[in-house]
């Protein structure tokens, strides 16, 4: 990137949006007409997306699209796909989209054939996964692998565990995965409980093989393995057979005892939170198999192509990203709910938290100048219908505006029927989806005081039972939660995040905010262990807290 970002507040479109927001009085009851729904229902690969219950009109839509043009969104997008170094603070390309390019594609970046590199690693990942799945790869005692333990943190954990849960129907029988991420020793203790060391394979996922949490947990697992294997097991052979790595630091991998031939790398143009479709997904490939993982990659690529080529008005990531800017910067929304009506997506909101907040939680633009407007959204959510009995109250009747994305699938993973005492049979998935449809309807249209009175409610309760409506939602549906559809959903939110960052002029691909706390933790560590000199260097609050810890530790 040779030029600085455009300050969006200096554009004509930003001024028009400011004026439109001040005059905007939403009335979804009157605006959600059949014609409007038809105009605002979009398709992207297998996704069916209804934007009609959002708080905007044709004028707002036109101004948002003009804003995208005036800040240079489309050129920024093209620069990303071309491999330009749009991650300016680290002087790197941003090419997670290359991870899912087909083998016959062509892309050279910095003189390197990126597609060939990606598929060379992918072929090695697939071959290794097949050896584990077939039983050819065994533990040191000759028994086949039954449990794969992925050791990582952040993007090396959140993506694989989310996808592993989401694609449960596609897993191979007799082969399970567990995931260790937290440095809290409870995490490793719980995940190792009940495992047979002779049938357990560990994947250490750390690009640099130096991440404190990951390497600490890897050493804990190594010690557990060697302690619990038969006493006549050769330690070096045991580590070599029971540990592999996703890393490019082959010297450190070898020092740990892992055969460098069993290390699978990726590149500095892949950010951690964008890496689950790289070798970081090795545990998932083992669980669901190369064919299904290839379908997942094809889903990613289908959404990439939609984002890259679809006209702006029909481009789902662009439209959704711009709506998020509208809510954040003009309608004073601070959080964004993602509500999957699919139990298999129960980890999807947590995955999006890292993707969105680590990407766009920035207060300076990519040239180092301070922003003068809000950036980032607090993403959160739980599966429906659980959330309906928890936090939907605030979304329906609270004082805060919470835009929400509802996600559902026409065909369930498990088609079960409920037999009532009267002998009637109910399709439970249809009951489930009735809630999906009803919630967006209730949020949009609410219930007036007169409608409440017409139900015979006592006057003193009318206000409490009135729903204001005009609460914005986007409905996303697909035929079923397949590997391909999951890839499309993930890529959709990757590109929504990109759109927001491009409008705000920030570098969505660095994460310096995670560094300071980690650096200070290493400095504070000796004080926690009892070094009085280091303790004296701490601030009074930290000294007091460490003192309490040392008195209470048993």
Protein backbone atom coordinates (compact mmCIF):
# COMPACT_ATOMS: atom_id res chain seq x y z
CA UNK A 1 0.00 0.00 0.00
CA UNK A 2 1.70 3.16 -1.16
CA UNK A 3 -0.85 5.75 0.00
CA UNK A 4 -2.53 6.37 3.30
CA UNK A 5 -6.17 5.52 3.97
CA UNK A 6 -9.00 7.90 3.24
CA UNK A 7 -10.51 9.40 6.39
CA UNK A 8 -14.11 8.28 5.85
CA UNK A 9 -15.48 11.26 7.76
CA UNK A 10 -14.14 13.58 5.03
CA UNK A 11 -16.16 11.92 2.27
CA UNK A 12 -19.39 13.26 0.88
CA UNK A 13 -21.09 9.95 1.57
CA UNK A 14 -20.27 10.12 5.28
CA UNK A 15 -21.90 13.53 5.47
CA UNK A 16 -25.00 12.25 3.67
CA UNK A 17 -25.20 9.27 6.02
CA UNK A 18 -24.92 11.55 9.03
CA UNK A 19 -27.84 13.64 7.78
CA UNK A 20 -29.87 10.56 6.89
CA UNK A 21 -29.30 9.06 10.34
CA UNK A 22 -30.48 12.24 12.05
CA UNK A 23 -33.70 12.25 10.03
CA UNK A 24 -34.25 8.48 9.94
CA UNK A 25 -37.36 7.17 11.68
CA UNK A 26 -37.61 3.43 11.11
CA UNK A 27 -40.96 1.76 10.62
CA UNK A 28 -40.37 -1.81 9.55
CA UNK A 29 -44.09 -2.55 9.67
CA UNK A 30 -44.64 -0.32 6.68
CA UNK A 31 -41.30 -0.66 4.90
CA UNK A 32 -41.03 -4.45 4.72
CA UNK A 33 -43.17 -4.91 1.63
CA UNK A 34 -43.05 -7.79 -0.83
CA UNK A 35 -41.19 -5.58 -3.28
CA UNK A 36 -38.63 -4.56 -0.64
CA UNK A 37 -38.07 -8.16 0.43
CA UNK A 38 -37.46 -9.17 -3.18
CA UNK A 39 -34.95 -6.34 -3.62
CA UNK A 40 -33.11 -7.12 -0.40
CA UNK A 41 -32.94 -10.91 -0.68
CA UNK A 42 -29.53 -11.90 -2.03
CA UNK A 43 -27.73 -15.11 -2.90
CA UNK A 44 -24.08 -15.98 -2.39
CA UNK A 45 -23.12 -19.53 -3.37
CA UNK A 46 -25.50 -21.68 -1.28
CA UNK A 47 -26.46 -18.91 1.14
CA UNK A 48 -29.87 -17.24 0.98
CA UNK A 49 -29.62 -13.86 2.72
CA UNK A 50 -32.58 -11.64 3.63
CA UNK A 51 -31.55 -8.08 4.52
CA UNK A 52 -35.08 -6.68 4.43
CA UNK A 53 -35.57 -6.44 8.21
CA UNK A 54 -32.58 -4.14 8.67
CA UNK A 55 -32.89 -0.43 9.49
CA UNK A 56 -32.20 1.26 6.18
CA UNK A 57 -33.96 2.52 3.09
CA UNK A 58 -32.98 3.10 -0.53
CA UNK A 59 -31.30 6.42 0.28
CA UNK A 60 -29.18 4.88 3.03
CA UNK A 61 -28.28 1.96 0.78
CA UNK A 62 -27.12 4.31 -1.99
CA UNK A 63 -25.07 6.40 0.44
CA UNK A 64 -23.40 3.31 1.92
CA UNK A 65 -22.43 2.06 -1.53
CA UNK A 66 -21.09 5.53 -2.34
CA UNK A 67 -19.06 5.43 0.87
CA UNK A 68 -17.50 2.14 -0.20
CA UNK A 69 -16.49 3.73 -3.47
CA UNK A 70 -15.15 6.93 -1.92
CA UNK A 71 -12.90 5.17 0.60
CA UNK A 72 -11.45 2.90 -2.10
CA UNK A 73 -12.93 -0.38 -0.85
CA UNK A 74 -12.88 -2.07 -4.24
CA UNK A 75 -9.25 -1.26 -4.95
CA UNK A 76 -8.31 -2.43 -1.47
CA UNK A 77 -10.15 -5.69 -2.06
CA UNK A 78 -8.40 -6.23 -5.38
CA UNK A 79 -5.04 -5.49 -3.76
CA UNK A 80 -5.68 -8.21 -1.17
CA UNK A 81 -6.53 -10.84 -3.78
CA UNK A 82 -3.46 -9.83 -5.83
CA UNK A 83 -1.12 -10.38 -2.88
CA UNK A 84 -0.11 -6.76 -2.27
CA UNK A 85 1.23 -6.04 1.20
CA UNK A 86 -1.95 -4.59 2.67
CA UNK A 87 -0.85 -5.67 6.17
CA UNK A 88 1.29 -2.58 6.33
CA UNK A 89 2.49 -2.70 9.95
CA UNK A 90 4.04 -6.12 9.30
CA UNK A 91 4.78 -5.49 5.60
CA UNK A 92 2.98 -8.65 4.54
CA UNK A 93 0.52 -9.84 1.97
CA UNK A 94 -2.87 -11.04 3.19
CA UNK A 95 -3.61 -14.23 1.31
CA UNK A 96 -5.84 -16.55 3.30
CA UNK A 97 -7.90 -16.63 0.10
CA UNK A 98 -4.97 -18.42 -1.58
CA UNK A 99 -5.36 -21.33 0.83
CA UNK A 100 -8.50 -22.38 -1.03
CA UNK A 101 -7.50 -21.68 -4.62
CA UNK A 102 -7.88 -24.71 -6.90
CA UNK A 103 -4.69 -26.42 -8.00
CA UNK A 104 -4.96 -25.07 -11.56
CA UNK A 105 -5.16 -21.42 -10.44
CA UNK A 106 -2.27 -19.05 -10.94
CA UNK A 107 -0.96 -16.59 -8.37
CA UNK A 108 2.63 -15.42 -7.88
CA UNK A 109 3.46 -13.21 -4.93
CA UNK A 110 6.90 -11.78 -4.27
CA UNK A 111 8.23 -14.08 -6.98
CA UNK A 112 6.79 -17.21 -5.40
CA UNK A 113 4.21 -19.58 -6.90
CA UNK A 114 1.71 -19.42 -4.05
CA UNK A 115 -0.71 -21.99 -5.46
CA UNK A 116 2.02 -24.60 -5.86
CA UNK A 117 3.22 -23.98 -2.30
CA UNK A 118 -0.28 -24.30 -0.87
CA UNK A 119 -1.05 -27.55 -2.65
CA UNK A 120 2.31 -29.09 -1.81
CA UNK A 121 1.52 -28.69 1.89
CA UNK A 122 -2.11 -29.66 1.38
CA UNK A 123 -1.08 -32.89 -0.35
CA UNK A 124 1.22 -33.74 2.57
CA UNK A 125 -1.57 -32.98 5.08
CA UNK A 126 -3.99 -35.19 3.16
CA UNK A 127 -1.49 -38.04 2.91
CA UNK A 128 -0.71 -37.95 6.62
CA UNK A 129 -4.39 -37.76 7.54
CA UNK A 130 -5.13 -40.83 5.44
CA UNK A 131 -2.36 -42.75 7.20
CA UNK A 132 -3.93 -41.96 10.56
CA UNK A 133 -7.50 -42.65 9.41
CA UNK A 134 -6.57 -45.99 7.83
CA UNK A 135 -4.58 -47.20 10.82
CA UNK A 136 -1.29 -47.26 8.91
CA UNK A 137 0.13 -44.66 11.30
CA UNK A 138 0.30 -46.18 14.76
CA UNK A 139 1.56 -45.30 18.18
CA UNK A 140 4.87 -46.58 19.45
CA UNK A 141 3.32 -49.85 20.65
CA UNK A 142 1.75 -50.55 17.25
CA UNK A 143 -1.85 -49.68 18.12
CA UNK A 144 -3.86 -47.46 15.80
CA UNK A 145 -4.68 -43.87 16.74
CA UNK A 146 -8.09 -43.32 18.32
CA UNK A 147 -7.76 -39.78 19.72
CA UNK A 148 -6.10 -36.70 18.22
CA UNK A 149 -5.27 -33.88 20.65
CA UNK A 150 -4.72 -30.49 19.03
CA UNK A 151 -2.55 -28.18 21.12
CA UNK A 152 -2.84 -24.54 20.07
CA UNK A 153 -4.34 -21.22 21.06
CA UNK A 154 -6.20 -18.42 19.33
CA UNK A 155 -6.50 -19.11 15.63
CA UNK A 156 -4.70 -22.43 16.08
CA UNK A 157 -7.55 -23.59 18.29
CA UNK A 158 -10.78 -21.65 17.73
CA UNK A 159 -11.15 -22.49 14.05
CA UNK A 160 -10.42 -26.22 14.25
CA UNK A 161 -12.58 -26.79 17.33
CA UNK A 162 -15.48 -24.78 15.89
CA UNK A 163 -15.38 -26.71 12.61
CA UNK A 164 -14.92 -30.05 14.39
CA UNK A 165 -18.10 -29.41 16.36
CA UNK A 166 -19.99 -28.06 13.33
CA UNK A 167 -19.15 -31.03 11.12
CA UNK A 168 -19.83 -33.75 13.68
CA UNK A 169 -21.94 -35.83 11.25
CA UNK A 170 -18.94 -36.09 8.92
CA UNK A 171 -16.44 -37.46 11.45
CA UNK A 172 -14.96 -40.93 11.11
CA UNK A 173 -16.26 -43.42 13.65
CA UNK A 174 -13.71 -44.54 16.21
CA UNK A 175 -11.59 -41.41 15.81
CA UNK A 176 -12.11 -38.42 18.11
CA UNK A 177 -10.42 -35.06 18.63
CA UNK A 178 -9.80 -33.04 21.75
CA UNK A 179 -8.43 -29.52 21.94
CA UNK A 180 -6.11 -27.99 24.54
CA UNK A 181 -5.59 -24.23 24.43
CA UNK A 182 -5.71 -22.55 27.84
CA UNK A 183 -2.51 -22.35 29.88
CA UNK A 184 -4.70 -23.00 32.92
CA UNK A 185 -3.47 -26.54 33.75
CA UNK A 186 -7.08 -27.57 34.25
CA UNK A 187 -7.54 -27.54 30.48
CA UNK A 188 -4.77 -30.07 29.86
CA UNK A 189 -5.76 -32.07 32.93
CA UNK A 190 -9.36 -32.43 31.79
CA UNK A 191 -8.56 -33.15 28.15
CA UNK A 192 -5.99 -35.84 28.99
CA UNK A 193 -8.28 -37.54 31.49
CA UNK A 194 -9.39 -40.96 30.32
CA UNK A 195 -7.11 -41.08 27.27
CA UNK A 196 -5.04 -44.11 26.38
CA UNK A 197 -1.50 -42.88 25.65
CA UNK A 198 -0.89 -45.78 23.27
CA UNK A 199 -3.68 -44.55 20.96
CA UNK A 200 -3.27 -40.79 21.30
CA UNK A 201 -1.67 -38.49 18.73
CA UNK A 202 -0.75 -34.89 19.61
CA UNK A 203 -0.62 -32.03 17.08
CA UNK A 204 1.38 -29.03 18.30
CA UNK A 205 0.13 -26.02 16.33
CA UNK A 206 2.45 -23.04 16.55
CA UNK A 207 3.96 -21.33 13.52
CA UNK A 208 7.06 -20.20 15.45
CA UNK A 209 7.02 -23.13 17.88
CA UNK A 210 7.49 -20.53 20.56
CA UNK A 211 3.99 -19.59 21.72
CA UNK A 212 4.15 -19.70 25.51
CA UNK A 213 0.77 -21.31 26.10
CA UNK A 214 1.11 -23.86 23.33
CA UNK A 215 4.64 -24.96 24.20
CA UNK A 216 3.82 -25.18 27.90
CA UNK A 217 0.87 -27.44 27.14
CA UNK A 218 2.97 -29.45 24.67
CA UNK A 219 5.53 -30.15 27.39
CA UNK A 220 2.77 -31.15 29.82
CA UNK A 221 1.42 -33.59 27.25
CA UNK A 222 4.86 -34.94 26.47
CA UNK A 223 5.50 -35.63 30.15
CA UNK A 224 2.06 -37.28 30.49
CA UNK A 225 2.72 -39.48 27.49
CA UNK A 226 6.11 -40.69 28.65
CA UNK A 227 4.81 -41.30 32.17
CA UNK A 228 1.82 -43.37 31.08
CA UNK A 229 3.22 -45.42 28.19
CA UNK A 230 4.54 -48.91 28.99
CA UNK A 231 7.80 -48.63 30.91
CA UNK A 232 9.82 -50.31 28.17
CA UNK A 233 8.83 -47.71 25.54
CA UNK A 234 11.71 -45.82 23.97
CA UNK A 235 11.16 -42.11 24.83
CA UNK A 236 12.56 -40.75 21.57
CA UNK A 237 10.51 -43.14 19.47
CA UNK A 238 7.44 -42.42 21.56
CA UNK A 239 7.61 -38.68 20.96
CA UNK A 240 8.31 -39.21 17.27
CA UNK A 241 5.27 -41.47 16.87
CA UNK A 242 2.84 -39.56 19.09
CA UNK A 243 3.67 -35.93 18.21
CA UNK A 244 3.50 -34.01 14.94
CA UNK A 245 3.67 -30.27 14.40
CA UNK A 246 2.10 -27.49 12.40
CA UNK A 247 5.06 -25.13 12.31
CA UNK A 248 7.77 -23.70 10.12
CA UNK A 249 10.43 -23.63 12.86
CA UNK A 250 11.89 -27.01 11.98
CA UNK A 251 14.89 -26.66 14.28
CA UNK A 252 12.67 -26.12 17.32
CA UNK A 253 10.39 -28.93 16.20
CA UNK A 254 13.37 -31.28 16.05
CA UNK A 255 14.63 -30.13 19.44
CA UNK A 256 11.25 -31.09 20.92
CA UNK A 257 11.68 -34.58 19.48
CA UNK A 258 9.28 -34.32 16.52
CA UNK A 259 10.55 -35.57 13.16
CA UNK A 260 10.73 -32.48 10.89
CA UNK A 261 9.25 -34.67 8.14
CA UNK A 262 6.09 -34.65 10.25
CA UNK A 263 5.90 -30.87 10.47
CA UNK A 264 3.46 -29.04 8.24
CA UNK A 265 4.06 -25.37 7.57
CA UNK A 266 2.18 -22.29 6.48
CA UNK A 267 3.20 -18.76 5.58
CA UNK A 268 3.54 -15.31 7.08
CA UNK A 269 0.72 -14.11 4.82
CA UNK A 270 -1.72 -16.30 6.77
CA UNK A 271 -2.90 -14.65 9.98
CA UNK A 272 -3.72 -16.99 12.84
CA UNK A 273 -7.42 -16.15 12.87
CA UNK A 274 -7.56 -16.84 9.12
CA UNK A 275 -5.61 -20.11 9.25
CA UNK A 276 -8.04 -22.97 9.90
CA UNK A 277 -8.07 -23.84 6.18
CA UNK A 278 -4.27 -24.17 6.19
CA UNK A 279 -2.29 -26.97 7.85
CA UNK A 280 -3.73 -25.64 11.11
CA UNK A 281 -6.78 -27.67 10.10
CA UNK A 282 -4.83 -30.95 10.28
CA UNK A 283 -6.91 -32.26 13.19
CA UNK A 284 -10.07 -31.51 11.22
CA UNK A 285 -8.72 -33.24 8.10
CA UNK A 286 -8.03 -36.33 10.18
CA UNK A 287 -11.52 -36.20 11.68
CA UNK A 288 -13.60 -35.65 8.52
CA UNK A 289 -11.22 -36.82 5.80
CA UNK A 290 -9.57 -35.10 2.85
CA UNK A 291 -12.64 -35.24 0.60
CA UNK A 292 -14.84 -33.38 3.05
CA UNK A 293 -12.03 -30.92 3.83
CA UNK A 294 -11.74 -30.29 0.08
CA UNK A 295 -15.47 -29.51 0.06
CA UNK A 296 -14.88 -27.05 2.92
CA UNK A 297 -12.15 -25.32 0.90
CA UNK A 298 -14.42 -25.19 -2.14
CA UNK A 299 -17.03 -23.44 0.00
CA UNK A 300 -14.48 -20.85 1.10
CA UNK A 301 -13.46 -20.31 -2.51
CA UNK A 302 -17.05 -19.92 -3.72
CA UNK A 303 -17.58 -17.06 -1.26
CA UNK A 304 -14.21 -15.56 -2.18
CA UNK A 305 -15.27 -15.45 -5.80
CA UNK A 306 -18.61 -13.92 -4.91
CA UNK A 307 -16.88 -11.20 -2.89
CA UNK A 308 -14.31 -10.62 -5.61
CA UNK A 309 -16.67 -10.46 -8.59
CA UNK A 310 -20.30 -9.75 -7.61
CA UNK A 311 -21.57 -6.19 -8.19
CA UNK A 312 -21.59 -4.18 -4.99
CA UNK A 313 -25.37 -4.01 -4.71
CA UNK A 314 -25.62 -7.81 -4.94
CA UNK A 315 -22.45 -8.54 -2.97
CA UNK A 316 -23.43 -10.06 0.37
CA UNK A 317 -20.18 -9.39 2.33
CA UNK A 318 -20.11 -5.81 1.05
CA UNK A 319 -23.74 -5.17 1.89
CA UNK A 320 -23.52 -6.74 5.35
CA UNK A 321 -20.22 -5.04 6.15
CA UNK A 322 -21.61 -1.64 5.14
CA UNK A 323 -24.72 -2.20 7.25
CA UNK A 324 -22.46 -2.89 10.21
CA UNK A 325 -20.70 0.43 9.59
CA UNK A 326 -24.10 2.14 9.43
CA UNK A 327 -25.11 0.68 12.78
CA UNK A 328 -21.76 1.33 14.45
CA UNK A 329 -21.03 4.84 13.24
CA UNK A 330 -24.47 6.33 12.64
CA UNK A 331 -27.04 4.49 14.79
CA UNK A 332 -24.83 4.09 17.89
CA UNK A 333 -24.83 0.30 18.07
CA UNK A 334 -21.89 -1.19 19.95
CA UNK A 335 -22.49 -4.94 19.86
CA UNK A 336 -23.57 -7.46 17.25
CA UNK A 337 -25.29 -10.76 17.99
CA UNK A 338 -24.81 -13.89 15.88
CA UNK A 339 -27.56 -16.39 16.61
CA UNK A 340 -27.23 -19.75 14.86
CA UNK A 341 -30.35 -21.87 14.97
CA UNK A 342 -28.14 -24.94 14.68
CA UNK A 343 -26.69 -26.61 17.76
CA UNK A 344 -23.70 -27.77 15.72
CA UNK A 345 -22.68 -24.11 15.34
CA UNK A 346 -22.55 -23.54 19.09
CA UNK A 347 -18.89 -22.45 18.86
CA UNK A 348 -19.39 -20.20 15.83
CA UNK A 349 -20.00 -16.96 17.78
CA UNK A 350 -16.82 -17.59 19.82
CA UNK A 351 -14.89 -18.13 16.61
CA UNK A 352 -16.24 -14.86 15.21
CA UNK A 353 -15.19 -13.00 18.33
CA UNK A 354 -11.53 -13.45 17.46
CA UNK A 355 -12.05 -12.93 13.74
CA UNK A 356 -13.87 -9.64 14.14
CA UNK A 357 -12.53 -8.11 17.34
CA UNK A 358 -8.87 -8.99 16.90
CA UNK A 359 -9.11 -7.70 13.35
CA UNK A 360 -10.97 -4.43 13.85
CA UNK A 361 -10.32 -3.54 17.47
CA UNK A 362 -8.01 -0.69 16.43
CA UNK A 363 -7.79 3.01 17.26
CA UNK A 364 -5.28 4.04 14.59
CA UNK A 365 -5.50 3.84 10.81
CA UNK A 366 -2.98 1.85 8.86
CA UNK A 367 -0.74 4.91 8.46
CA UNK A 368 -0.58 5.39 12.25
CA UNK A 369 -2.98 8.35 12.45
CA UNK A 370 -5.68 8.28 15.09
CA UNK A 371 -9.23 7.46 14.09
CA UNK A 372 -11.91 9.96 15.05
CA UNK A 373 -14.83 7.54 14.97
CA UNK A 374 -15.87 4.20 16.41
CA UNK A 375 -14.32 1.04 15.01
CA UNK A 376 -15.01 -2.60 15.76
CA UNK A 377 -18.05 -4.32 17.17
CA UNK A 378 -18.42 -6.58 20.18
CA UNK A 379 -19.55 -9.88 18.65
CA UNK A 380 -21.40 -12.36 20.82
CA UNK A 381 -24.12 -14.97 20.68
CA UNK A 382 -25.42 -18.42 21.51
CA UNK A 383 -27.48 -20.95 19.60
CA UNK A 384 -31.24 -20.56 19.43
CA UNK A 385 -33.44 -21.47 21.16
CA UNK A 386 -31.15 -21.38 24.21
CA UNK A 387 -30.55 -17.67 23.75
CA UNK A 388 -34.29 -16.99 23.71
CA UNK A 389 -34.40 -18.02 27.36
CA UNK A 390 -31.36 -15.94 28.28
CA UNK A 391 -30.55 -12.63 26.60
CA UNK A 392 -33.25 -12.08 23.97
CA UNK A 393 -35.11 -9.99 26.55
CA UNK A 394 -32.52 -7.24 26.16
CA UNK A 395 -32.62 -7.39 22.36
CA UNK A 396 -36.42 -7.19 22.29
CA UNK A 397 -37.18 -4.65 25.01
CA UNK A 398 -33.88 -3.22 26.22
CA UNK A 399 -32.60 0.29 25.61
CA UNK A 400 -29.67 -0.75 23.42
CA UNK A 401 -29.71 -1.34 19.68
CA UNK A 402 -28.33 -4.82 18.95
CA UNK A 403 -28.22 -5.82 15.27
CA UNK A 404 -28.45 -9.60 15.00
CA UNK A 405 -27.65 -12.21 12.37
CA UNK A 406 -29.90 -15.29 12.45
CA UNK A 407 -28.54 -18.45 10.77
CA UNK A 408 -30.58 -21.56 9.97
CA UNK A 409 -30.68 -24.59 7.68
CA UNK A 410 -33.58 -26.20 5.86
CA UNK A 411 -32.46 -29.77 6.49
CA UNK A 412 -31.34 -30.79 10.00
CA UNK A 413 -28.40 -32.97 10.92
CA UNK A 414 -30.76 -35.12 12.99
CA UNK A 415 -34.38 -35.40 11.82
CA UNK A 416 -36.30 -36.34 14.96
CA UNK A 417 -40.02 -36.38 15.64
CA UNK A 418 -41.80 -35.80 18.92
CA UNK A 419 -44.78 -37.99 19.78
CA UNK A 420 -47.23 -36.15 22.02
CA UNK A 421 -49.34 -37.93 24.68
CA UNK A 422 -52.27 -37.53 22.30
CA UNK A 423 -50.40 -39.55 19.68
CA UNK A 424 -49.61 -36.64 17.36
CA UNK A 425 -46.21 -36.54 15.64
CA UNK A 426 -44.32 -33.26 15.41
CA UNK A 427 -41.29 -32.59 13.24
CA UNK A 428 -39.01 -31.04 15.87
CA UNK A 429 -36.89 -29.24 13.29
CA UNK A 430 -39.98 -27.47 12.00
CA UNK A 431 -40.84 -26.45 15.57
CA UNK A 432 -37.28 -25.19 15.91
CA UNK A 433 -37.45 -23.17 12.67
CA UNK A 434 -40.80 -21.72 13.69
CA UNK A 435 -38.87 -20.02 16.49
CA UNK A 436 -36.25 -18.81 14.01
CA UNK A 437 -38.89 -17.19 11.80
CA UNK A 438 -40.94 -15.86 14.72
CA UNK A 439 -38.04 -14.17 16.48
CA UNK A 440 -36.99 -12.03 13.51
CA UNK A 441 -40.66 -11.19 12.96
CA UNK A 442 -41.13 -10.15 16.58
CA UNK A 443 -37.94 -8.10 16.61
CA UNK A 444 -38.90 -6.29 13.43
CA UNK A 445 -42.58 -5.62 14.02
CA UNK A 446 -43.01 -5.76 17.77
CA UNK A 447 -46.40 -5.43 19.43
CA UNK A 448 -48.19 -2.12 20.01
CA UNK A 449 -49.95 -1.08 23.18
CA UNK A 450 -53.30 -1.29 21.40
CA UNK A 451 -52.55 -4.84 20.28
CA UNK A 452 -51.68 -5.76 23.86
CA UNK A 453 -54.92 -4.20 25.13
CA UNK A 454 -56.89 -6.13 22.51
CA UNK A 455 -55.63 -9.34 24.15
CA UNK A 456 -57.33 -8.32 27.37
CA UNK A 457 -54.18 -7.42 29.30
CA UNK A 458 -54.74 -5.23 32.37
CA UNK A 459 -53.82 -1.61 31.73
CA UNK A 460 -51.12 -1.54 34.39
CA UNK A 461 -49.30 -4.32 32.50
CA UNK A 462 -49.67 -2.91 28.99
CA UNK A 463 -46.38 -1.00 28.97
CA UNK A 464 -44.41 -4.01 30.20
CA UNK A 465 -45.88 -6.21 27.49
CA UNK A 466 -45.43 -3.78 24.62
CA UNK A 467 -42.61 -4.53 22.17
CA UNK A 468 -41.19 -1.54 20.28
CA UNK A 469 -40.06 -3.52 17.23
CA UNK A 470 -37.68 -1.97 14.69
CA UNK A 471 -34.89 -4.20 15.98
CA UNK A 472 -32.69 -5.07 12.98
CA UNK A 473 -31.93 -8.61 11.86
CA UNK A 474 -30.35 -10.37 8.92
CA UNK A 475 -31.57 -13.89 8.12
CA UNK A 476 -29.07 -16.31 6.57
CA UNK A 477 -30.30 -19.70 5.40
CA UNK A 478 -28.82 -22.63 3.48
CA UNK A 479 -30.03 -26.08 2.45
CA UNK A 480 -27.96 -27.88 5.11
CA UNK A 481 -24.85 -27.48 7.24
CA UNK A 482 -22.37 -29.23 4.95
CA UNK A 483 -18.60 -28.71 4.83
CA UNK A 484 -19.06 -26.48 1.79
CA UNK A 485 -21.70 -24.33 3.46
CA UNK A 486 -19.55 -23.99 6.59
CA UNK A 487 -16.70 -22.72 4.41
CA UNK A 488 -19.05 -20.20 2.83
CA UNK A 489 -20.22 -18.93 6.22
CA UNK A 490 -16.69 -18.50 7.54
CA UNK A 491 -15.51 -16.70 4.41
CA UNK A 492 -18.61 -14.50 4.49
CA UNK A 493 -17.64 -13.15 7.91
CA UNK A 494 -13.98 -12.88 6.93
CA UNK A 495 -14.98 -10.57 4.10
CA UNK A 496 -17.54 -8.65 6.19
CA UNK A 497 -14.68 -7.94 8.59
CA UNK A 498 -12.50 -6.82 5.67
CA UNK A 499 -15.17 -4.43 4.39
CA UNK A 500 -15.53 -2.75 7.77
CA UNK A 501 -11.77 -2.39 8.19
CA UNK A 502 -11.39 -0.95 4.70
CA UNK A 503 -14.05 1.69 5.37
CA UNK A 504 -12.45 2.59 8.68
CA UNK A 505 -8.98 2.70 7.11
CA UNK A 506 -7.45 0.33 9.66
CA UNK A 507 -5.10 -2.62 9.26
CA UNK A 508 -7.40 -5.55 9.99
CA UNK A 509 -4.56 -8.06 9.81
CA UNK A 510 -2.18 -7.18 12.62
CA UNK A 511 -2.83 -7.76 16.32
CA UNK A 512 -0.33 -5.75 18.32
CA UNK A 513 -2.90 -5.38 21.09
CA UNK A 514 -2.29 -8.95 22.24
CA UNK A 515 1.44 -8.43 22.78
CA UNK A 516 1.77 -6.12 25.79
CA UNK A 517 -0.03 -8.36 28.26
CA UNK A 518 2.05 -11.37 27.19
CA UNK A 519 5.29 -9.39 27.58
CA UNK A 520 4.33 -8.15 31.03
CA UNK A 521 3.31 -11.67 32.10
CA UNK A 522 6.86 -12.85 31.53
CA UNK A 523 8.22 -9.91 33.54
CA UNK A 524 5.76 -10.43 36.40
CA UNK A 525 6.32 -14.21 36.52
CA UNK A 526 9.30 -14.15 38.93
CA UNK A 527 7.35 -11.99 41.38
CA UNK A 528 4.54 -14.54 41.38
CA UNK A 529 7.14 -17.22 42.14
CA UNK A 530 8.46 -15.26 45.12
CA UNK A 531 11.26 -12.99 43.84
CA UNK A 532 11.08 -9.98 46.26
CA UNK A 533 13.09 -7.68 44.01
CA UNK A 534 10.78 -8.17 41.03
CA UNK A 535 7.77 -7.81 43.32
CA UNK A 536 9.08 -4.41 44.46
CA UNK A 537 9.13 -3.27 40.82
CA UNK A 538 5.39 -3.80 40.41
CA UNK A 539 2.67 -1.22 40.95
CA UNK A 540 0.91 -1.24 44.36
CA UNK A 541 -2.23 -2.97 43.08
CA UNK A 542 -0.26 -5.80 41.46
CA UNK A 543 1.92 -6.15 44.58
CA UNK A 544 -1.20 -6.48 46.72
CA UNK A 545 -2.80 -9.06 44.43
CA UNK A 546 0.37 -11.16 44.25
CA UNK A 547 0.65 -10.96 48.03
CA UNK A 548 -2.88 -12.30 48.40
CA UNK A 549 -2.12 -15.12 45.97
CA UNK A 550 1.02 -16.20 47.80
CA UNK A 551 -0.76 -16.25 51.16
CA UNK A 552 -3.68 -18.28 49.84
CA UNK A 553 -1.82 -20.75 47.60
CA UNK A 554 -1.92 -24.27 48.98
